[in-house]
């Protein structure tokens, strides 16, 4: 060998095993890093560390079902069985409507009667106390003598007041607070008084003829 030949590297025999070992370690690290998974948009991707230490997404990926949120269930307001029954019972609904209409008509009738003729009011109310129209003649005679059907008639000496000449007039407050002026209130009280004390207008008139009062 020439004395000028290139010198043989001192560690040439050791470089090859070290390179092989380094390559094996590098491959092993990549294999281990590939076991790390990242879920991105519902896709599982392998992640491996590159030579410079940064993370890189592996080319291979696995598709997995996308996780979806549970649907929102809207619940309606509870309906009771009685509500369903009434809604499904047209006859009951019609009966309730008819009852309400009757109440309205009765109220209107009372209001209208208060503005009408007291005799007509009394005649219309006789049936409510179980009397026939034949009793009206006796009632007319009785209250014509007492007050001439004047709701404002007042006896200053006795305190009797109104169409039936209630004594005292404040007794009629049991029927209504407007007893001093409302003929309907006075007539209802007077008919109730006759019913409880004499049984009928004709009996009350007979007593008035015999005694001069009732």
N, C-alpha and C. Protein backbone atom coordinates (compact mmCIF):
# COMPACT_ATOMS: atom_id res chain seq x y z
N UNK A 1 0.86 -1.19 0.00
CA UNK A 1 0.00 0.00 0.00
C UNK A 1 0.88 1.22 0.00
N UNK A 2 0.45 2.21 -0.81
CA UNK A 2 1.23 3.45 -0.87
C UNK A 2 1.07 4.19 0.43
N UNK A 3 2.11 4.86 0.78
CA UNK A 3 2.05 5.63 2.02
C UNK A 3 1.17 6.84 1.90
N UNK A 4 0.77 7.15 0.62
CA UNK A 4 -0.15 8.27 0.42
C UNK A 4 -1.60 7.82 0.25
N UNK A 5 -1.85 6.53 0.40
CA UNK A 5 -3.25 6.06 0.26
C UNK A 5 -4.15 6.68 1.36
N UNK A 6 -5.45 6.81 1.02
CA UNK A 6 -6.40 7.42 2.00
C UNK A 6 -6.45 6.61 3.26
N UNK A 7 -6.36 7.30 4.38
CA UNK A 7 -6.36 6.55 5.65
C UNK A 7 -7.73 5.93 5.91
N UNK A 8 -7.72 4.76 6.46
CA UNK A 8 -8.95 4.00 6.79
C UNK A 8 -9.58 4.61 8.04
N UNK A 9 -10.91 4.88 7.98
CA UNK A 9 -11.57 5.46 9.18
C UNK A 9 -11.42 4.53 10.35
N UNK A 10 -11.18 5.16 11.49
CA UNK A 10 -10.93 4.38 12.68
C UNK A 10 -12.16 3.61 13.11
N UNK A 11 -13.36 4.19 12.92
CA UNK A 11 -14.58 3.54 13.43
C UNK A 11 -15.47 3.04 12.31
N UNK A 12 -14.90 2.72 11.18
CA UNK A 12 -15.70 2.25 10.05
C UNK A 12 -16.45 1.01 10.39
N UNK A 13 -15.83 0.18 11.16
CA UNK A 13 -16.49 -1.10 11.49
C UNK A 13 -17.67 -0.89 12.44
N UNK A 14 -17.66 0.23 13.15
CA UNK A 14 -18.74 0.47 14.12
C UNK A 14 -19.88 1.30 13.55
N UNK A 15 -19.63 2.04 12.42
CA UNK A 15 -20.69 2.94 11.90
C UNK A 15 -21.88 2.19 11.39
N UNK A 16 -21.63 1.08 10.69
CA UNK A 16 -22.75 0.33 10.10
C UNK A 16 -23.70 -0.20 11.16
N UNK A 17 -23.22 -0.86 12.18
CA UNK A 17 -24.17 -1.32 13.24
C UNK A 17 -24.90 -0.16 13.91
N UNK A 18 -24.21 0.97 14.10
CA UNK A 18 -24.88 2.11 14.76
C UNK A 18 -25.97 2.69 13.89
N UNK A 19 -25.72 2.79 12.57
CA UNK A 19 -26.75 3.28 11.66
C UNK A 19 -27.96 2.36 11.64
N UNK A 20 -27.64 1.07 11.60
CA UNK A 20 -28.74 0.10 11.60
C UNK A 20 -29.57 0.21 12.87
N UNK A 21 -28.86 0.37 13.99
CA UNK A 21 -29.57 0.49 15.27
C UNK A 21 -30.39 1.77 15.31
N UNK A 22 -29.82 2.88 14.81
CA UNK A 22 -30.54 4.14 14.79
C UNK A 22 -31.79 4.05 13.91
N UNK A 23 -31.67 3.38 12.75
CA UNK A 23 -32.82 3.22 11.86
C UNK A 23 -33.91 2.38 12.50
N UNK A 24 -33.45 1.33 13.22
CA UNK A 24 -34.44 0.47 13.88
C UNK A 24 -35.19 1.23 14.95
N UNK A 25 -34.44 2.05 15.71
CA UNK A 25 -35.09 2.84 16.76
C UNK A 25 -36.07 3.86 16.17
N UNK A 26 -35.63 4.48 15.05
CA UNK A 26 -36.51 5.46 14.41
C UNK A 26 -37.79 4.82 13.92
N UNK A 27 -37.67 3.64 13.28
CA UNK A 27 -38.85 2.94 12.79
C UNK A 27 -39.75 2.50 13.94
N UNK A 28 -39.11 2.08 15.01
CA UNK A 28 -39.90 1.67 16.18
C UNK A 28 -40.68 2.83 16.76
N UNK A 29 -40.01 4.01 16.80
CA UNK A 29 -40.71 5.21 17.30
C UNK A 29 -41.90 5.59 16.44
N UNK A 30 -41.69 5.50 15.12
CA UNK A 30 -42.79 5.81 14.22
C UNK A 30 -43.94 4.84 14.39
N UNK A 31 -43.62 3.57 14.57
CA UNK A 31 -44.67 2.57 14.77
C UNK A 31 -45.44 2.83 16.03
N UNK A 32 -44.71 3.22 17.08
CA UNK A 32 -45.39 3.51 18.35
C UNK A 32 -46.25 4.75 18.23
N UNK A 33 -45.72 5.76 17.53
CA UNK A 33 -46.49 7.00 17.38
C UNK A 33 -47.74 6.77 16.55
N UNK A 34 -47.66 5.81 15.64
CA UNK A 34 -48.81 5.54 14.77
C UNK A 34 -49.98 4.99 15.54
N UNK A 35 -49.74 4.50 16.76
CA UNK A 35 -50.85 3.96 17.55
C UNK A 35 -51.69 5.08 18.15
N UNK A 36 -51.19 6.33 18.16
CA UNK A 36 -51.97 7.46 18.67
C UNK A 36 -52.99 7.86 17.63
N UNK A 37 -54.25 8.04 18.06
CA UNK A 37 -55.31 8.40 17.12
C UNK A 37 -55.90 9.73 17.51
N UNK A 38 -56.35 10.43 16.49
CA UNK A 38 -57.01 11.71 16.70
C UNK A 38 -58.34 11.66 15.95
N UNK A 39 -59.43 12.06 16.64
CA UNK A 39 -60.74 12.10 16.00
C UNK A 39 -60.95 13.49 15.44
N UNK A 40 -61.04 13.58 14.12
CA UNK A 40 -61.24 14.86 13.47
C UNK A 40 -62.45 14.73 12.56
N UNK A 41 -63.55 15.46 12.89
CA UNK A 41 -64.74 15.44 12.03
C UNK A 41 -65.32 14.07 11.86
N UNK A 42 -65.22 13.20 12.89
CA UNK A 42 -65.79 11.88 12.81
C UNK A 42 -64.90 10.87 12.13
N UNK A 43 -63.64 11.22 11.80
CA UNK A 43 -62.71 10.32 11.14
C UNK A 43 -61.54 10.07 12.07
N UNK A 44 -61.18 8.81 12.27
CA UNK A 44 -60.05 8.46 13.11
C UNK A 44 -58.81 8.41 12.24
N UNK A 45 -57.80 9.21 12.54
CA UNK A 45 -56.58 9.29 11.75
C UNK A 45 -55.40 8.90 12.61
N UNK A 46 -54.46 8.20 12.00
CA UNK A 46 -53.22 7.87 12.71
C UNK A 46 -52.31 9.08 12.72
N UNK A 47 -51.58 9.31 13.80
CA UNK A 47 -50.66 10.43 13.92
C UNK A 47 -49.28 9.88 14.23
N UNK A 48 -48.31 10.31 13.48
CA UNK A 48 -46.93 9.87 13.71
C UNK A 48 -46.06 11.09 13.85
N UNK A 49 -45.01 10.96 14.61
CA UNK A 49 -44.06 12.05 14.79
C UNK A 49 -43.07 12.04 13.65
N UNK A 50 -42.90 13.16 12.99
CA UNK A 50 -41.95 13.26 11.89
C UNK A 50 -40.55 13.39 12.40
N UNK A 51 -39.60 13.38 11.51
CA UNK A 51 -38.19 13.47 11.91
C UNK A 51 -37.89 14.74 12.68
N UNK A 52 -38.60 15.82 12.40
CA UNK A 52 -38.30 17.07 13.09
C UNK A 52 -39.09 17.21 14.37
N UNK A 53 -39.82 16.18 14.79
CA UNK A 53 -40.54 16.20 16.06
C UNK A 53 -41.94 16.72 15.96
N UNK A 54 -42.35 17.24 14.78
CA UNK A 54 -43.72 17.73 14.63
C UNK A 54 -44.66 16.57 14.36
N UNK A 55 -45.95 16.77 14.71
CA UNK A 55 -46.93 15.71 14.46
C UNK A 55 -47.40 15.79 13.02
N UNK A 56 -47.55 14.67 12.40
CA UNK A 56 -48.05 14.59 11.02
C UNK A 56 -49.17 13.58 10.98
N UNK A 57 -50.21 13.90 10.20
CA UNK A 57 -51.34 12.99 10.09
C UNK A 57 -50.98 11.90 9.10
N UNK A 58 -51.14 10.65 9.53
CA UNK A 58 -50.81 9.52 8.66
C UNK A 58 -51.79 9.45 7.51
N UNK A 59 -51.32 8.88 6.44
CA UNK A 59 -52.16 8.81 5.25
C UNK A 59 -53.35 7.91 5.47
N UNK A 60 -53.15 6.85 6.23
CA UNK A 60 -54.24 5.91 6.44
C UNK A 60 -55.21 6.47 7.47
N UNK A 61 -56.48 6.30 7.27
CA UNK A 61 -57.50 6.74 8.22
C UNK A 61 -58.66 5.76 8.19
N UNK A 62 -59.41 5.73 9.30
CA UNK A 62 -60.54 4.84 9.42
C UNK A 62 -61.81 5.67 9.57
N UNK A 63 -62.83 5.33 8.77
CA UNK A 63 -64.11 6.03 8.90
C UNK A 63 -64.92 5.40 10.02
N UNK A 64 -65.48 6.23 10.90
CA UNK A 64 -66.34 5.76 11.98
C UNK A 64 -67.64 6.56 11.93
N UNK A 65 -68.71 5.98 12.43
CA UNK A 65 -69.99 6.73 12.39
C UNK A 65 -69.87 8.02 13.16
N UNK A 66 -70.45 9.05 12.58
CA UNK A 66 -70.42 10.36 13.22
C UNK A 66 -71.36 10.37 14.42
N UNK A 67 -70.89 10.93 15.51
CA UNK A 67 -71.70 10.99 16.72
C UNK A 67 -72.68 12.14 16.59
N UNK A 68 -73.96 11.82 16.68
CA UNK A 68 -75.00 12.84 16.56
C UNK A 68 -75.70 13.02 17.90
N UNK A 69 -76.09 14.26 18.15
CA UNK A 69 -76.79 14.55 19.41
C UNK A 69 -78.20 13.97 19.35
N UNK A 70 -78.72 13.58 20.51
CA UNK A 70 -80.06 13.01 20.59
C UNK A 70 -81.10 14.06 20.22
N UNK A 71 -82.15 13.67 19.48
CA UNK A 71 -83.17 14.65 19.09
C UNK A 71 -83.91 15.19 20.30
N UNK A 72 -84.33 16.46 20.22
CA UNK A 72 -85.07 17.10 21.31
C UNK A 72 -86.53 16.70 21.20
N UNK A 73 -87.07 16.14 22.26
CA UNK A 73 -88.46 15.70 22.28
C UNK A 73 -89.32 16.81 22.88
N UNK A 74 -90.29 17.30 22.14
CA UNK A 74 -91.18 18.35 22.63
C UNK A 74 -92.45 17.70 23.20
N UNK A 75 -92.77 18.04 24.41
CA UNK A 75 -93.93 17.47 25.05
C UNK A 75 -95.06 18.50 25.12
N UNK A 76 -96.24 18.07 24.75
CA UNK A 76 -97.39 18.97 24.82
C UNK A 76 -97.89 19.06 26.25
N UNK A 77 -98.62 20.14 26.54
CA UNK A 77 -99.18 20.32 27.87
C UNK A 77 -100.16 19.18 28.16
N UNK A 78 -100.12 18.63 29.37
CA UNK A 78 -101.01 17.51 29.70
C UNK A 78 -102.47 17.92 29.66
N UNK A 79 -103.29 17.02 29.20
CA UNK A 79 -104.73 17.26 29.13
C UNK A 79 -105.41 16.25 30.04
N UNK A 80 -106.21 16.74 30.98
CA UNK A 80 -106.85 15.85 31.93
C UNK A 80 -107.95 15.06 31.24
N UNK A 81 -108.36 13.98 31.90
CA UNK A 81 -109.42 13.17 31.33
C UNK A 81 -110.73 13.92 31.29
N UNK A 82 -110.95 14.78 32.30
CA UNK A 82 -112.19 15.54 32.30
C UNK A 82 -112.23 16.52 31.13
N UNK A 83 -111.05 17.11 30.78
CA UNK A 83 -111.01 18.02 29.63
C UNK A 83 -111.35 17.28 28.35
N UNK A 84 -110.77 16.07 28.21
CA UNK A 84 -111.05 15.30 27.00
C UNK A 84 -112.53 14.92 26.95
N UNK A 85 -113.09 14.54 28.11
CA UNK A 85 -114.47 14.10 28.14
C UNK A 85 -115.41 15.23 27.77
N UNK A 86 -115.15 16.45 28.32
CA UNK A 86 -116.02 17.58 28.00
C UNK A 86 -115.89 17.98 26.55
N UNK A 87 -114.62 17.92 26.05
CA UNK A 87 -114.42 18.29 24.65
C UNK A 87 -115.08 17.30 23.71
N UNK A 88 -115.17 16.02 24.16
CA UNK A 88 -115.73 14.98 23.30
C UNK A 88 -117.22 14.80 23.52
N UNK A 89 -117.84 15.59 24.39
CA UNK A 89 -119.25 15.43 24.71
C UNK A 89 -120.02 16.66 24.22
N UNK A 90 -120.46 16.67 22.99
CA UNK A 90 -121.14 17.85 22.45
C UNK A 90 -122.45 18.14 23.17
N UNK A 91 -123.14 17.11 23.68
CA UNK A 91 -124.39 17.34 24.39
C UNK A 91 -124.16 18.11 25.67
N UNK A 92 -123.08 17.74 26.40
CA UNK A 92 -122.78 18.46 27.63
C UNK A 92 -122.38 19.91 27.33
N UNK A 93 -121.57 20.08 26.29
CA UNK A 93 -121.17 21.44 25.92
C UNK A 93 -122.39 22.28 25.54
N UNK A 94 -123.33 21.68 24.81
CA UNK A 94 -124.54 22.40 24.42
C UNK A 94 -125.39 22.75 25.64
N UNK A 95 -125.45 21.81 26.62
CA UNK A 95 -126.24 22.07 27.83
C UNK A 95 -125.64 23.21 28.64
N UNK A 96 -124.31 23.22 28.74
CA UNK A 96 -123.65 24.30 29.47
C UNK A 96 -123.88 25.65 28.79
N UNK A 97 -123.80 25.65 27.47
CA UNK A 97 -124.03 26.90 26.73
C UNK A 97 -125.48 27.37 26.90
N UNK A 98 -126.42 26.42 26.90
CA UNK A 98 -127.83 26.79 27.06
C UNK A 98 -128.09 27.35 28.46
N UNK A 99 -127.43 26.74 29.49
CA UNK A 99 -127.60 27.23 30.86
C UNK A 99 -127.07 28.65 31.00
N UNK A 100 -125.91 28.89 30.38
CA UNK A 100 -125.33 30.24 30.44
C UNK A 100 -126.24 31.25 29.75
N UNK A 101 -126.81 30.86 28.61
CA UNK A 101 -127.72 31.75 27.89
C UNK A 101 -128.98 32.04 28.71
N UNK A 102 -129.46 31.00 29.43
CA UNK A 102 -130.65 31.19 30.26
C UNK A 102 -130.38 32.19 31.38
N UNK A 103 -129.19 32.10 31.98
CA UNK A 103 -128.82 33.05 33.03
C UNK A 103 -128.76 34.47 32.50
N UNK A 104 -128.19 34.61 31.32
CA UNK A 104 -128.12 35.94 30.71
C UNK A 104 -129.51 36.48 30.44
N UNK A 105 -130.40 35.63 29.91
CA UNK A 105 -131.76 36.07 29.61
C UNK A 105 -132.51 36.45 30.88
N UNK A 106 -132.30 35.65 31.96
CA UNK A 106 -132.97 35.95 33.23
C UNK A 106 -132.52 37.29 33.79
N UNK A 107 -131.21 37.53 33.69
CA UNK A 107 -130.68 38.81 34.17
C UNK A 107 -131.24 39.97 33.35
N UNK A 108 -131.28 39.79 32.04
CA UNK A 108 -131.83 40.85 31.18
C UNK A 108 -133.30 41.08 31.47
N UNK A 109 -134.03 39.99 31.72
CA UNK A 109 -135.45 40.11 32.01
C UNK A 109 -135.67 40.91 33.30
N UNK A 110 -134.82 40.63 34.31
CA UNK A 110 -134.95 41.34 35.58
C UNK A 110 -134.66 42.82 35.41
N UNK A 111 -133.60 43.13 34.65
CA UNK A 111 -133.25 44.53 34.42
C UNK A 111 -134.34 45.24 33.66
N UNK A 112 -134.89 44.58 32.62
CA UNK A 112 -135.96 45.20 31.84
C UNK A 112 -137.22 45.38 32.69
N UNK A 113 -137.50 44.37 33.55
CA UNK A 113 -138.70 44.43 34.36
C UNK A 113 -138.66 45.60 35.34
N UNK A 114 -137.44 45.90 35.83
CA UNK A 114 -137.31 47.00 36.77
C UNK A 114 -137.70 48.33 36.14
N UNK A 115 -137.66 48.39 34.82
CA UNK A 115 -138.02 49.62 34.12
C UNK A 115 -139.47 49.60 33.64
N UNK A 116 -140.16 48.46 33.85
CA UNK A 116 -141.50 48.31 33.31
C UNK A 116 -142.59 48.59 34.32
N UNK A 117 -143.80 48.17 33.95
CA UNK A 117 -144.98 48.36 34.78
C UNK A 117 -144.94 47.38 35.96
N UNK A 118 -145.04 47.84 37.20
CA UNK A 118 -144.99 46.95 38.36
C UNK A 118 -146.06 45.86 38.31
N UNK A 119 -147.23 46.17 37.79
CA UNK A 119 -148.28 45.16 37.70
C UNK A 119 -147.88 44.04 36.74
N UNK A 120 -147.26 44.42 35.62
CA UNK A 120 -146.82 43.41 34.67
C UNK A 120 -145.72 42.55 35.27
N UNK A 121 -144.86 43.19 36.07
CA UNK A 121 -143.78 42.44 36.73
C UNK A 121 -144.37 41.41 37.69
N UNK A 122 -145.32 41.84 38.52
CA UNK A 122 -145.93 40.94 39.49
C UNK A 122 -146.67 39.80 38.81
N UNK A 123 -147.39 40.11 37.73
CA UNK A 123 -148.13 39.07 37.00
C UNK A 123 -147.18 38.02 36.44
N UNK A 124 -146.00 38.47 35.94
CA UNK A 124 -145.03 37.54 35.37
C UNK A 124 -144.37 36.67 36.44
N UNK A 125 -144.32 37.15 37.68
CA UNK A 125 -143.64 36.42 38.75
C UNK A 125 -144.55 35.47 39.52
N UNK A 126 -145.86 35.51 39.29
CA UNK A 126 -146.78 34.65 40.04
C UNK A 126 -146.41 33.17 39.93
N UNK A 127 -146.08 32.72 38.74
CA UNK A 127 -145.77 31.31 38.53
C UNK A 127 -144.55 30.86 39.31
N UNK A 128 -143.63 31.77 39.57
CA UNK A 128 -142.44 31.41 40.34
C UNK A 128 -142.78 31.02 41.77
N UNK A 129 -143.94 31.44 42.25
CA UNK A 129 -144.35 31.13 43.61
C UNK A 129 -145.46 30.06 43.64
N UNK A 130 -145.73 29.47 42.47
CA UNK A 130 -146.70 28.38 42.39
C UNK A 130 -148.14 28.81 42.25
N UNK A 131 -148.37 30.04 41.80
CA UNK A 131 -149.74 30.53 41.68
C UNK A 131 -150.12 30.70 40.21
N UNK A 132 -151.39 30.55 39.95
CA UNK A 132 -151.90 30.74 38.60
C UNK A 132 -152.22 32.22 38.39
N UNK A 133 -152.52 32.55 37.15
CA UNK A 133 -152.83 33.95 36.80
C UNK A 133 -154.11 34.43 37.48
N UNK A 134 -154.95 33.51 37.94
CA UNK A 134 -156.21 33.91 38.59
C UNK A 134 -155.98 34.62 39.92
N UNK A 135 -154.79 34.47 40.50
CA UNK A 135 -154.48 35.11 41.76
C UNK A 135 -154.13 36.59 41.59
N UNK A 136 -153.90 37.02 40.36
CA UNK A 136 -153.46 38.39 40.18
C UNK A 136 -154.54 39.41 40.55
N UNK A 137 -155.81 39.09 40.32
CA UNK A 137 -156.88 40.03 40.66
C UNK A 137 -156.86 40.38 42.15
N UNK A 138 -156.67 39.36 43.01
CA UNK A 138 -156.60 39.60 44.45
C UNK A 138 -155.37 40.43 44.81
N UNK A 139 -154.24 40.11 44.16
CA UNK A 139 -153.01 40.84 44.44
C UNK A 139 -153.13 42.30 44.02
N UNK A 140 -153.79 42.52 42.89
CA UNK A 140 -153.97 43.88 42.39
C UNK A 140 -154.81 44.69 43.38
N UNK A 141 -155.87 44.09 43.88
CA UNK A 141 -156.73 44.79 44.85
C UNK A 141 -155.97 45.10 46.14
N UNK A 142 -155.17 44.13 46.58
CA UNK A 142 -154.44 44.28 47.85
C UNK A 142 -153.42 45.41 47.77
N UNK A 143 -152.61 45.41 46.75
CA UNK A 143 -151.53 46.39 46.69
C UNK A 143 -152.00 47.75 46.16
N UNK A 144 -153.15 47.77 45.48
CA UNK A 144 -153.73 49.06 45.12
C UNK A 144 -154.18 49.79 46.39
N UNK A 145 -154.77 49.03 47.32
CA UNK A 145 -155.16 49.62 48.60
C UNK A 145 -153.94 50.07 49.40
N UNK A 146 -152.87 49.29 49.36
CA UNK A 146 -151.71 49.58 50.20
C UNK A 146 -150.88 50.76 49.68
N UNK A 147 -150.59 50.77 48.37
CA UNK A 147 -149.63 51.76 47.86
C UNK A 147 -149.94 52.29 46.48
N UNK A 148 -151.00 51.80 45.84
CA UNK A 148 -151.30 52.14 44.45
C UNK A 148 -150.11 51.77 43.54
N UNK A 149 -149.40 50.70 43.94
CA UNK A 149 -148.28 50.15 43.15
C UNK A 149 -147.15 51.16 42.96
N UNK A 150 -146.99 52.02 43.90
CA UNK A 150 -145.93 53.03 43.83
C UNK A 150 -144.71 52.54 44.65
N UNK A 151 -143.57 52.30 44.00
CA UNK A 151 -142.40 51.81 44.73
C UNK A 151 -141.82 52.82 45.70
N UNK A 152 -142.21 54.09 45.56
CA UNK A 152 -141.69 55.13 46.46
C UNK A 152 -142.68 55.49 47.57
N UNK A 153 -143.80 54.81 47.62
CA UNK A 153 -144.82 55.11 48.64
C UNK A 153 -144.23 54.84 50.03
N UNK A 154 -144.44 55.81 50.92
CA UNK A 154 -143.87 55.67 52.27
C UNK A 154 -144.84 56.23 53.30
N UNK A 155 -145.08 55.47 54.34
CA UNK A 155 -145.95 55.90 55.44
C UNK A 155 -145.06 56.48 56.54
N UNK A 156 -145.11 57.76 56.67
CA UNK A 156 -144.21 58.43 57.62
C UNK A 156 -144.54 58.09 59.07
N UNK A 157 -145.78 57.76 59.36
CA UNK A 157 -146.14 57.45 60.74
C UNK A 157 -145.75 56.05 61.17
N UNK A 158 -145.86 55.10 60.26
CA UNK A 158 -145.54 53.70 60.61
C UNK A 158 -144.17 53.24 60.10
N UNK A 159 -143.70 53.90 59.05
CA UNK A 159 -142.43 53.48 58.45
C UNK A 159 -142.60 52.44 57.35
N UNK A 160 -143.85 52.06 57.02
CA UNK A 160 -144.10 51.11 55.94
C UNK A 160 -143.64 51.72 54.62
N UNK A 161 -143.12 50.87 53.73
CA UNK A 161 -142.52 51.43 52.51
C UNK A 161 -142.76 50.51 51.32
N UNK A 162 -142.85 51.17 50.15
CA UNK A 162 -142.87 50.47 48.88
C UNK A 162 -144.20 49.89 48.49
N UNK A 163 -144.21 49.13 47.41
CA UNK A 163 -145.43 48.55 46.85
C UNK A 163 -146.15 47.66 47.86
N UNK A 164 -145.44 46.74 48.55
CA UNK A 164 -146.15 45.88 49.50
C UNK A 164 -146.33 46.51 50.87
N UNK A 165 -145.79 47.74 51.04
CA UNK A 165 -145.83 48.43 52.33
C UNK A 165 -145.23 47.56 53.43
N UNK A 166 -143.99 47.14 53.20
CA UNK A 166 -143.25 46.37 54.20
C UNK A 166 -143.02 47.22 55.42
N UNK A 167 -143.17 46.61 56.60
CA UNK A 167 -143.04 47.36 57.84
C UNK A 167 -142.02 46.68 58.76
N UNK A 168 -140.85 47.28 58.96
CA UNK A 168 -140.34 48.48 58.27
C UNK A 168 -139.86 48.13 56.86
N UNK A 169 -139.64 49.15 56.08
CA UNK A 169 -139.22 48.93 54.69
C UNK A 169 -137.88 48.21 54.57
N UNK A 170 -137.02 48.36 55.57
CA UNK A 170 -135.69 47.74 55.52
C UNK A 170 -135.75 46.21 55.50
N UNK A 171 -136.91 45.63 55.82
CA UNK A 171 -137.04 44.16 55.73
C UNK A 171 -136.74 43.67 54.31
N UNK A 172 -137.07 44.50 53.32
CA UNK A 172 -136.90 44.09 51.92
C UNK A 172 -135.44 43.99 51.51
N UNK A 173 -134.53 44.43 52.37
CA UNK A 173 -133.10 44.31 52.07
C UNK A 173 -132.67 42.86 51.98
N UNK A 174 -133.48 41.95 52.51
CA UNK A 174 -133.15 40.52 52.41
C UNK A 174 -133.21 40.04 50.97
N UNK A 175 -133.88 40.79 50.10
CA UNK A 175 -133.97 40.44 48.68
C UNK A 175 -132.96 41.23 47.86
N UNK A 176 -132.75 42.49 48.24
CA UNK A 176 -131.81 43.31 47.47
C UNK A 176 -131.52 44.61 48.18
N UNK A 177 -130.30 45.12 47.95
CA UNK A 177 -129.89 46.37 48.59
C UNK A 177 -130.64 47.57 48.01
N UNK A 178 -131.27 47.38 46.85
CA UNK A 178 -131.99 48.48 46.19
C UNK A 178 -133.47 48.47 46.56
N UNK A 179 -133.80 47.92 47.71
CA UNK A 179 -135.19 47.73 48.14
C UNK A 179 -136.00 49.03 48.19
N UNK A 180 -135.36 50.15 48.39
CA UNK A 180 -136.10 51.41 48.57
C UNK A 180 -136.70 51.92 47.26
N UNK A 181 -136.13 51.53 46.11
CA UNK A 181 -136.57 52.10 44.83
C UNK A 181 -136.90 51.07 43.75
N UNK A 182 -136.39 49.86 43.83
CA UNK A 182 -136.54 48.87 42.76
C UNK A 182 -137.85 48.10 42.93
N UNK A 183 -138.79 48.24 41.99
CA UNK A 183 -140.07 47.53 42.12
C UNK A 183 -139.92 46.01 42.08
N UNK A 184 -138.92 45.50 41.34
CA UNK A 184 -138.72 44.05 41.27
C UNK A 184 -138.35 43.51 42.65
N UNK A 185 -137.41 44.18 43.32
CA UNK A 185 -137.01 43.75 44.66
C UNK A 185 -138.20 43.79 45.62
N UNK A 186 -138.99 44.85 45.55
CA UNK A 186 -140.14 44.99 46.45
C UNK A 186 -141.21 43.93 46.17
N UNK A 187 -141.48 43.68 44.90
CA UNK A 187 -142.51 42.70 44.54
C UNK A 187 -142.08 41.30 44.95
N UNK A 188 -140.81 40.96 44.74
CA UNK A 188 -140.33 39.63 45.15
C UNK A 188 -140.45 39.45 46.66
N UNK A 189 -140.09 40.49 47.39
CA UNK A 189 -140.21 40.37 48.85
C UNK A 189 -141.69 40.24 49.24
N UNK A 190 -142.55 41.06 48.62
CA UNK A 190 -143.97 41.03 48.96
C UNK A 190 -144.62 39.69 48.64
N UNK A 191 -144.28 39.11 47.49
CA UNK A 191 -144.85 37.80 47.13
C UNK A 191 -144.35 36.71 48.08
N UNK A 192 -143.07 36.80 48.46
CA UNK A 192 -142.54 35.84 49.42
C UNK A 192 -143.22 35.96 50.78
N UNK A 193 -143.50 37.18 51.19
CA UNK A 193 -144.19 37.41 52.47
C UNK A 193 -145.60 36.82 52.43
N UNK A 194 -146.33 37.08 51.35
CA UNK A 194 -147.69 36.55 51.20
C UNK A 194 -147.67 35.03 51.21
N UNK A 195 -146.72 34.44 50.49
CA UNK A 195 -146.65 32.98 50.41
C UNK A 195 -146.42 32.35 51.79
N UNK A 196 -145.48 32.92 52.54
CA UNK A 196 -145.15 32.33 53.84
C UNK A 196 -146.22 32.59 54.90
N UNK A 197 -146.93 33.71 54.82
CA UNK A 197 -147.88 34.07 55.88
C UNK A 197 -149.32 33.68 55.55
N UNK A 198 -149.72 33.79 54.27
CA UNK A 198 -151.13 33.55 53.91
C UNK A 198 -151.32 32.43 52.89
N UNK A 199 -150.27 32.08 52.21
CA UNK A 199 -150.36 30.98 51.24
C UNK A 199 -150.69 31.42 49.83
N UNK A 200 -151.44 32.51 49.68
CA UNK A 200 -151.80 32.98 48.34
C UNK A 200 -152.26 34.44 48.42
N UNK A 201 -152.20 35.15 47.31
CA UNK A 201 -152.70 36.54 47.30
C UNK A 201 -154.17 36.67 47.67
N UNK A 202 -155.00 35.72 47.26
CA UNK A 202 -156.43 35.82 47.57
C UNK A 202 -156.68 35.65 49.07
N UNK A 203 -155.88 34.80 49.73
CA UNK A 203 -156.02 34.65 51.19
C UNK A 203 -155.57 35.92 51.89
N UNK A 204 -154.51 36.55 51.38
CA UNK A 204 -154.04 37.80 51.97
C UNK A 204 -155.06 38.91 51.77
N UNK A 205 -155.71 38.93 50.61
CA UNK A 205 -156.71 39.96 50.34
C UNK A 205 -157.94 39.77 51.23
N UNK A 206 -158.30 38.54 51.46
CA UNK A 206 -159.45 38.26 52.35
C UNK A 206 -159.14 38.74 53.77
N UNK A 207 -157.91 38.53 54.22
CA UNK A 207 -157.52 38.99 55.55
C UNK A 207 -157.53 40.50 55.61
N UNK A 208 -157.07 41.15 54.58
CA UNK A 208 -157.04 42.61 54.53
C UNK A 208 -158.46 43.18 54.56
N UNK A 209 -159.38 42.52 53.87
CA UNK A 209 -160.77 43.01 53.86
C UNK A 209 -161.40 42.86 55.25
N UNK A 210 -161.00 41.82 55.97
CA UNK A 210 -161.60 41.59 57.28
C UNK A 210 -160.95 42.43 58.36
N UNK A 211 -159.65 42.67 58.26
CA UNK A 211 -158.95 43.35 59.33
C UNK A 211 -158.46 44.75 58.96
N UNK A 212 -158.37 45.03 57.71
CA UNK A 212 -157.89 46.33 57.28
C UNK A 212 -156.38 46.38 57.09
N UNK A 213 -155.74 45.26 57.27
CA UNK A 213 -154.27 45.16 57.07
C UNK A 213 -153.94 43.70 56.74
N UNK A 214 -152.74 43.47 56.34
CA UNK A 214 -152.33 42.08 56.07
C UNK A 214 -150.92 41.87 56.57
